[in-house]
C-alpha cells in the first residue's frame, strides 16, 4: 500500500512539473515589453496563423527561440549537475566543477580582451560575426578543458584527485582572465563581464541548428547512464565488485556532462546555480536516489526553473532584461546554504 502511494506521488509530481513546464513556456512567449494574449500564443503554437504581423515576428524570431534556449539550458545543466554529484559523491558539485565553464570564459577573454589589446579589434562592432566568434571561442576553451579532463580521467584512478585537478584548472583560467582584464580597455572588460552574467536571449535560429542537437544528444546520453549512476551510489569498490567498469562509466559521465556544460556555456554564458540546486530540489520532491526517476525529474525541473528565472528577468515594466545569473543566484544560493546546514545537522 505504501509502495503504491509513493509511486502515485511520483507520477503526480511528474504531472505537475509537466504542466508547470508548458505553462511557463507559454508565459515566456506571451509576456514582455509587447504583451501578446495567452490564447493567441496557444493558437500560434498549435499551428494556426495569427493576423498581427508584428506579433508573428516577435513570436517566431525572438520569444520562441529564447524560450527553447532557456528550457534546454536549464535541463542540460540540471542533468549535468546530478551526474557530477553522483560521480564525486559530493552534494556541492555542479556541472562547472571540472573547470569547463572557466575554460569557456578563458576562450571568450582571449578573443574579446586580447584581440583588442594586440590588434585593436573590437568584436562588438562586427555584428553577427563578432557574436559567432565569441561563441566559437567559448566552445574552443570549454572543449580544450574537457579533453584535458578526459585525458587525466584515464590516468587518475581517484575521483577526488580528478575533482581537485578540475578546480585547479578553474583557478588557473580565472588567473589568466584576470591578467587579460588588467591590460584591456574598460569597454572590452565591460563586454566580457556582460557575457559572464549569462543570457538566454542571444540565440538566433542559425545558432539553434547547433545548440538544440548538441543539448539533446547530451540529455539522451544522460538517460543511457541511469544504470551506472545507480550502481555508483553504492561506492566505487562495491560497484566494481558488481561488474561495473568504473573507468568506462566515469569517462562516459564526463563526456555527457562536459558536452552539456560546454554547449550551454558557449551559447548562454556561465549560468550559475541551476545545475547545483535543481538535483537537490528533485531529491526533496521525489524522495528517492533512483536515477531512473531523478534524471527525467531534473530535466523537467531544470527546464521549469530556467523558464521561471527568465520570466522574472524580463518581467513587464523592467527596462530590458536582467542578467540571468542575478536571478538564478538569488534562487540557487539559499538552496545551497540549506544543503550545507542540513548536512551539518544544524537544522531539522
Protein backbone atom coordinates (compact mmCIF):
# COMPACT_ATOMS: atom_id res chain seq x y z
CA UNK A 1 0.00 0.00 0.00
CA UNK A 2 2.84 2.36 0.93
CA UNK A 3 4.66 1.48 -2.32
CA UNK A 4 1.56 2.31 -4.38
CA UNK A 5 1.20 5.62 -2.53
CA UNK A 6 4.84 6.55 -3.20
CA UNK A 7 4.53 5.56 -6.84
CA UNK A 8 1.36 7.60 -7.23
CA UNK A 9 3.05 10.61 -5.61
CA UNK A 10 5.92 10.40 -8.11
CA UNK A 11 3.50 10.25 -11.05
CA UNK A 12 1.67 13.25 -9.61
CA UNK A 13 4.96 15.15 -9.27
CA UNK A 14 5.86 14.44 -12.91
CA UNK A 15 2.40 15.59 -14.00
CA UNK A 16 2.71 18.84 -12.03
CA UNK A 17 6.20 19.52 -13.42
CA UNK A 18 4.98 18.90 -16.97
CA UNK A 19 2.05 21.28 -16.53
CA UNK A 20 4.36 23.91 -15.00
CA UNK A 21 6.81 23.49 -17.88
CA UNK A 22 4.10 24.02 -20.52
CA UNK A 23 2.53 26.92 -18.61
CA UNK A 24 5.83 28.75 -18.04
CA UNK A 25 6.88 28.16 -21.64
CA UNK A 26 3.69 29.83 -22.89
CA UNK A 27 4.04 32.67 -20.34
CA UNK A 28 7.60 33.31 -21.51
CA UNK A 29 6.29 33.71 -25.04
CA UNK A 30 3.30 35.79 -24.04
CA UNK A 31 4.76 38.30 -21.54
CA UNK A 32 7.24 41.03 -22.32
CA UNK A 33 7.52 44.64 -23.42
CA UNK A 34 4.83 43.81 -26.01
CA UNK A 35 2.01 41.78 -24.45
CA UNK A 36 0.60 39.03 -26.64
CA UNK A 37 -2.65 37.43 -25.38
CA UNK A 38 -2.27 33.97 -23.88
CA UNK A 39 -4.90 32.44 -26.15
CA UNK A 40 -3.18 33.92 -29.21
CA UNK A 41 0.10 32.28 -28.20
CA UNK A 42 -1.62 28.91 -27.70
CA UNK A 43 -3.31 29.25 -31.07
CA UNK A 44 0.02 30.09 -32.72
CA UNK A 45 1.80 27.15 -31.08
CA UNK A 46 -0.93 24.80 -32.35
CA UNK A 47 -0.11 25.88 -35.90
CA UNK A 48 -2.90 28.37 -36.56
CA UNK A 49 -1.88 31.65 -38.24
CA UNK A 50 -2.39 34.96 -36.44
CA UNK A 51 -3.38 38.18 -38.19
CA UNK A 52 -0.99 40.56 -36.40
CA UNK A 53 2.28 40.51 -38.37
CA UNK A 54 4.21 42.26 -35.58
CA UNK A 55 3.17 39.60 -33.08
CA UNK A 56 4.07 36.90 -35.60
CA UNK A 57 7.61 38.28 -35.98
CA UNK A 58 8.08 38.69 -32.22
CA UNK A 59 6.97 35.12 -31.57
CA UNK A 60 8.96 33.49 -34.35
CA UNK A 61 12.20 35.49 -34.26
CA UNK A 62 12.56 36.37 -30.60
CA UNK A 63 10.44 34.84 -27.88
CA UNK A 64 10.01 31.27 -29.15
CA UNK A 65 13.75 30.61 -29.72
CA UNK A 66 14.57 32.31 -26.41
CA UNK A 67 12.10 30.11 -24.51
CA UNK A 68 13.56 27.00 -26.16
CA UNK A 69 17.04 28.16 -25.15
CA UNK A 70 16.00 28.60 -21.51
CA UNK A 71 14.23 25.23 -21.39
CA UNK A 72 17.12 23.24 -22.88
CA UNK A 73 19.83 25.13 -20.99
CA UNK A 74 18.12 24.50 -17.67
CA UNK A 75 17.52 20.84 -18.48
CA UNK A 76 21.10 20.32 -19.63
CA UNK A 77 22.73 21.98 -16.62
CA UNK A 78 20.45 20.16 -14.18
CA UNK A 79 21.22 16.76 -15.73
CA UNK A 80 24.94 17.52 -15.71
CA UNK A 81 24.83 18.68 -12.10
CA UNK A 82 23.11 15.49 -10.92
CA UNK A 83 25.71 13.33 -12.65
CA UNK A 84 28.60 15.26 -11.09
CA UNK A 85 27.08 14.99 -7.61
CA UNK A 86 26.68 11.25 -8.05
CA UNK A 87 30.09 10.66 -9.61
CA UNK A 88 32.01 12.62 -6.96
CA UNK A 89 29.60 11.76 -4.12
CA UNK A 90 29.56 15.46 -3.29
CA UNK A 91 26.28 17.39 -2.89
CA UNK A 92 28.05 20.67 -3.71
CA UNK A 93 29.43 19.51 -7.06
CA UNK A 94 27.95 21.16 -10.13
CA UNK A 95 28.37 20.87 -13.89
CA UNK A 96 31.08 23.55 -13.84
CA UNK A 97 33.15 21.82 -11.14
CA UNK A 98 35.64 20.43 -13.68
CA UNK A 99 36.65 23.86 -14.94
CA UNK A 100 34.78 23.61 -18.26
CA UNK A 101 32.90 26.88 -17.69
CA UNK A 102 36.17 28.56 -16.74
CA UNK A 103 37.71 27.25 -19.95
CA UNK A 104 34.86 28.77 -21.94
CA UNK A 105 35.38 32.06 -20.12
CA UNK A 106 39.10 31.95 -20.95
CA UNK A 107 38.34 31.40 -24.63
CA UNK A 108 36.00 34.40 -24.67
CA UNK A 109 38.51 36.51 -22.75
CA UNK A 110 41.21 35.76 -25.30
CA UNK A 111 39.16 36.93 -28.28
CA UNK A 112 37.36 39.81 -26.53
CA UNK A 113 40.23 41.19 -24.45
CA UNK A 114 43.44 40.03 -26.10
CA UNK A 115 42.46 40.83 -29.69
CA UNK A 116 41.54 44.35 -28.69
CA UNK A 117 44.76 44.79 -26.73
CA UNK A 118 47.03 43.45 -29.51
CA UNK A 119 45.20 44.24 -32.74
CA UNK A 120 42.73 46.94 -31.81
CA UNK A 121 39.84 44.73 -32.99
CA UNK A 122 36.51 45.25 -31.21
CA UNK A 123 34.18 42.28 -31.73
CA UNK A 124 31.17 44.30 -30.59
CA UNK A 125 31.48 46.36 -33.78
CA UNK A 126 31.42 43.27 -36.03
CA UNK A 127 27.74 42.40 -35.51
CA UNK A 128 26.75 38.77 -36.05
CA UNK A 129 30.32 37.79 -36.98
CA UNK A 130 31.58 39.10 -33.64
CA UNK A 131 28.85 37.16 -31.81
CA UNK A 132 29.72 34.00 -33.75
CA UNK A 133 33.42 34.47 -32.93
CA UNK A 134 32.67 34.78 -29.21
CA UNK A 135 30.55 31.60 -29.28
CA UNK A 136 33.27 29.73 -31.18
CA UNK A 137 35.93 30.90 -28.71
CA UNK A 138 33.79 29.74 -25.78
CA UNK A 139 33.38 26.34 -27.46
CA UNK A 140 37.12 26.07 -28.08
CA UNK A 141 38.00 26.94 -24.48
CA UNK A 142 35.37 24.65 -22.98
CA UNK A 143 36.29 21.64 -25.13
CA UNK A 144 40.01 22.19 -24.58
CA UNK A 145 39.44 21.85 -20.83
CA UNK A 146 37.06 18.92 -21.39
CA UNK A 147 39.62 17.00 -23.46
CA UNK A 148 42.28 17.67 -20.83
CA UNK A 149 39.97 16.39 -18.08
CA UNK A 150 39.11 13.28 -20.14
CA UNK A 151 42.82 12.62 -20.67
CA UNK A 152 43.51 12.91 -16.95
CA UNK A 153 40.48 10.74 -16.17
CA UNK A 154 42.25 7.84 -17.88
CA UNK A 155 45.38 8.43 -15.80
CA UNK A 156 43.87 9.15 -12.38
CA UNK A 157 42.14 6.34 -10.52
CA UNK A 158 40.81 8.54 -7.74
CA UNK A 159 37.76 10.75 -8.37
CA UNK A 160 38.87 13.12 -5.61
CA UNK A 161 42.14 13.80 -7.44
CA UNK A 162 40.25 14.47 -10.66
CA UNK A 163 37.98 16.88 -8.80
CA UNK A 164 40.98 18.76 -7.40
CA UNK A 165 42.53 18.97 -10.89
CA UNK A 166 39.27 20.42 -12.27
CA UNK A 167 39.16 23.05 -9.52
CA UNK A 168 42.82 23.97 -10.15
CA UNK A 169 42.12 24.34 -13.88
CA UNK A 170 39.33 26.74 -12.97
CA UNK A 171 41.65 28.79 -10.77
CA UNK A 172 44.35 28.90 -13.45
CA UNK A 173 41.83 30.01 -16.10
CA UNK A 174 40.49 32.72 -13.78
CA UNK A 175 44.04 33.95 -13.15
CA UNK A 176 44.74 34.31 -16.88
CA UNK A 177 41.41 36.08 -17.37
CA UNK A 178 42.35 38.48 -14.57
CA UNK A 179 45.64 39.33 -16.30
CA UNK A 180 43.84 39.92 -19.61
CA UNK A 181 41.36 42.22 -17.89
CA UNK A 182 44.22 44.19 -16.39
CA UNK A 183 45.72 45.03 -19.80
CA UNK A 184 42.37 45.65 -21.55
CA UNK A 185 40.27 48.74 -22.03
CA UNK A 186 37.20 49.46 -19.91
CA UNK A 187 34.87 48.86 -22.87
CA UNK A 188 36.24 45.37 -23.55
CA UNK A 189 36.23 44.43 -19.87
CA UNK A 190 32.60 45.54 -19.73
CA UNK A 191 31.75 43.39 -22.78
CA UNK A 192 33.39 40.38 -21.15
CA UNK A 193 31.62 40.97 -17.83
CA UNK A 194 28.26 41.20 -19.61
CA UNK A 195 28.93 37.84 -21.31
CA UNK A 196 29.80 36.36 -17.91
CA UNK A 197 26.43 37.40 -16.47
CA UNK A 198 24.66 34.93 -18.77
CA UNK A 199 21.70 35.35 -21.10
CA UNK A 200 19.17 33.22 -22.94
CA UNK A 201 18.46 35.98 -25.47
CA UNK A 202 21.41 35.69 -27.83
CA UNK A 203 20.48 32.60 -29.84
CA UNK A 204 19.08 33.03 -33.32
CA UNK A 205 17.66 30.12 -35.30
CA UNK A 206 21.04 29.79 -37.05
CA UNK A 207 22.71 29.06 -33.70
CA UNK A 208 19.88 26.74 -32.66
CA UNK A 209 20.88 24.44 -35.52
CA UNK A 210 23.94 23.62 -33.38
CA UNK A 211 22.60 24.25 -29.89
CA UNK A 212 19.47 22.08 -29.94
CA UNK A 213 21.03 18.87 -31.36
CA UNK A 214 24.04 19.03 -29.03
CA UNK A 215 21.94 19.52 -25.90
CA UNK A 216 19.53 16.77 -26.98
CA UNK A 217 22.44 14.38 -27.55
CA UNK A 218 23.67 15.15 -24.04
CA UNK A 219 20.23 14.64 -22.49
CA UNK A 220 19.70 11.35 -24.32
CA UNK A 221 23.18 10.28 -23.22
CA UNK A 222 22.17 11.04 -19.62
CA UNK A 223 19.26 8.61 -19.92
CA UNK A 224 21.65 5.85 -21.03
CA UNK A 225 23.76 6.45 -17.91
CA UNK A 226 20.97 5.73 -15.43
CA UNK A 227 22.15 2.20 -14.59
CA UNK A 228 25.84 3.02 -13.94
CA UNK A 229 24.84 6.11 -11.94
CA UNK A 230 22.62 3.97 -9.71
CA UNK A 231 25.41 1.45 -9.18
CA UNK A 232 27.90 4.22 -8.34
CA UNK A 233 25.65 5.25 -5.44
CA UNK A 234 26.88 2.12 -3.67
CA UNK A 235 30.50 3.28 -3.82
CA UNK A 236 33.24 2.54 -6.33
CA UNK A 237 34.54 -0.62 -4.66
CA UNK A 238 31.10 -2.21 -4.38
CA UNK A 239 30.23 -1.08 -7.91
CA UNK A 240 33.40 -2.72 -9.25
CA UNK A 241 32.52 -5.94 -7.41
CA UNK A 242 29.13 -5.87 -9.15
CA UNK A 243 30.89 -5.82 -12.52
CA UNK A 244 30.73 -2.11 -13.36
CA UNK A 245 33.65 -0.83 -15.39
CA UNK A 246 34.49 2.22 -13.26
CA UNK A 247 36.85 3.90 -15.74
CA UNK A 248 34.50 3.50 -18.69
CA UNK A 249 31.50 4.71 -16.69
CA UNK A 250 33.40 7.72 -15.36
CA UNK A 251 34.62 8.54 -18.87
CA UNK A 252 31.06 8.35 -20.25
CA UNK A 253 29.67 10.55 -17.47
CA UNK A 254 32.40 13.14 -18.04
CA UNK A 255 31.75 13.20 -21.80
CA UNK A 256 27.99 13.70 -21.39
CA UNK A 257 28.30 16.31 -18.64
CA UNK A 258 31.13 18.06 -20.47
CA UNK A 259 29.10 18.23 -23.69
CA UNK A 260 26.10 19.72 -21.88
CA UNK A 261 28.16 22.21 -19.88
CA UNK A 262 30.31 23.30 -22.81
CA UNK A 263 27.32 23.78 -25.12
CA UNK A 264 25.21 25.76 -22.66
CA UNK A 265 28.16 27.90 -21.53
CA UNK A 266 29.27 28.65 -25.08
CA UNK A 267 25.85 29.85 -26.18
CA UNK A 268 24.39 31.29 -22.95
CA UNK A 269 27.40 32.19 -20.83
CA UNK A 270 28.22 30.62 -17.44
CA UNK A 271 24.73 30.21 -15.93
CA UNK A 272 25.10 29.76 -12.18
CA UNK A 273 23.37 27.52 -9.62
CA UNK A 274 20.84 25.73 -11.88
CA UNK A 275 22.98 22.60 -12.10
CA UNK A 276 23.78 22.76 -8.40
CA UNK A 277 20.33 23.46 -6.94
CA UNK A 278 17.91 21.50 -9.14
CA UNK A 279 19.17 17.98 -8.20
CA UNK A 280 18.60 18.75 -4.51
CA UNK A 281 15.13 20.10 -5.18
CA UNK A 282 14.24 16.97 -7.14
CA UNK A 283 15.55 14.66 -4.44
CA UNK A 284 13.37 16.51 -1.98
CA UNK A 285 10.30 16.23 -4.22
CA UNK A 286 10.65 12.60 -5.32
CA UNK A 287 12.18 11.28 -2.06
CA UNK A 288 14.45 8.86 -3.91
CA UNK A 289 18.03 8.42 -5.12
CA UNK A 290 16.94 6.29 -8.10
CA UNK A 291 18.28 7.91 -11.26
CA UNK A 292 15.56 6.37 -13.41
CA UNK A 293 13.31 8.88 -11.64
CA UNK A 294 15.82 11.65 -10.92
CA UNK A 295 17.23 12.04 -14.45
CA UNK A 296 13.80 12.71 -16.07
CA UNK A 297 12.89 14.71 -12.97
CA UNK A 298 15.87 17.08 -13.15
CA UNK A 299 15.41 17.50 -16.91
CA UNK A 300 11.83 18.67 -16.33
CA UNK A 301 12.61 20.71 -13.21
CA UNK A 302 15.70 22.28 -14.79
CA UNK A 303 13.57 23.49 -17.68
CA UNK A 304 10.88 24.76 -15.28
CA UNK A 305 13.34 26.70 -13.10
CA UNK A 306 15.20 28.19 -16.07
CA UNK A 307 11.93 29.37 -17.63
CA UNK A 308 10.84 30.82 -14.28
CA UNK A 309 14.14 32.67 -13.85
CA UNK A 310 13.97 34.00 -17.39
CA UNK A 311 10.38 35.14 -16.84
CA UNK A 312 11.44 37.02 -13.69
CA UNK A 313 14.41 38.54 -15.54
CA UNK A 314 12.18 40.08 -18.17
CA UNK A 315 9.03 40.92 -16.22
CA UNK A 316 6.88 43.63 -17.79
CA UNK A 317 7.87 47.06 -16.52
CA UNK A 318 11.61 46.34 -16.44
CA UNK A 319 13.82 48.27 -18.82
CA UNK A 320 15.48 45.49 -20.79
CA UNK A 321 16.35 42.08 -19.35
CA UNK A 322 18.10 41.43 -16.06
CA UNK A 323 21.25 39.23 -16.16
CA UNK A 324 20.08 35.64 -15.81
CA UNK A 325 22.82 34.90 -13.26
CA UNK A 326 21.42 37.58 -10.94
CA UNK A 327 18.11 35.70 -10.82
CA UNK A 328 19.46 32.14 -10.69
CA UNK A 329 21.87 33.08 -7.90
CA UNK A 330 19.12 34.62 -5.78
CA UNK A 331 17.14 31.38 -6.07
CA UNK A 332 20.01 28.88 -6.01
CA UNK A 333 22.23 30.32 -3.26
CA UNK A 334 19.70 29.82 -0.42
CA UNK A 335 19.19 26.23 -1.55
CA UNK A 336 22.93 25.53 -1.41
CA UNK A 337 23.18 27.12 2.06
CA UNK A 338 20.28 24.96 3.21
CA UNK A 339 22.01 21.81 1.91
CA UNK A 340 25.22 22.68 3.77
CA UNK A 341 23.37 23.32 7.00
CA UNK A 342 21.25 20.21 6.61
CA UNK A 343 24.32 18.01 6.15
CA UNK A 344 25.82 19.52 9.27
CA UNK A 345 22.60 18.70 11.14
CA UNK A 346 22.32 22.31 12.22
CA UNK A 347 18.65 22.44 11.21
CA UNK A 348 15.95 19.80 11.16
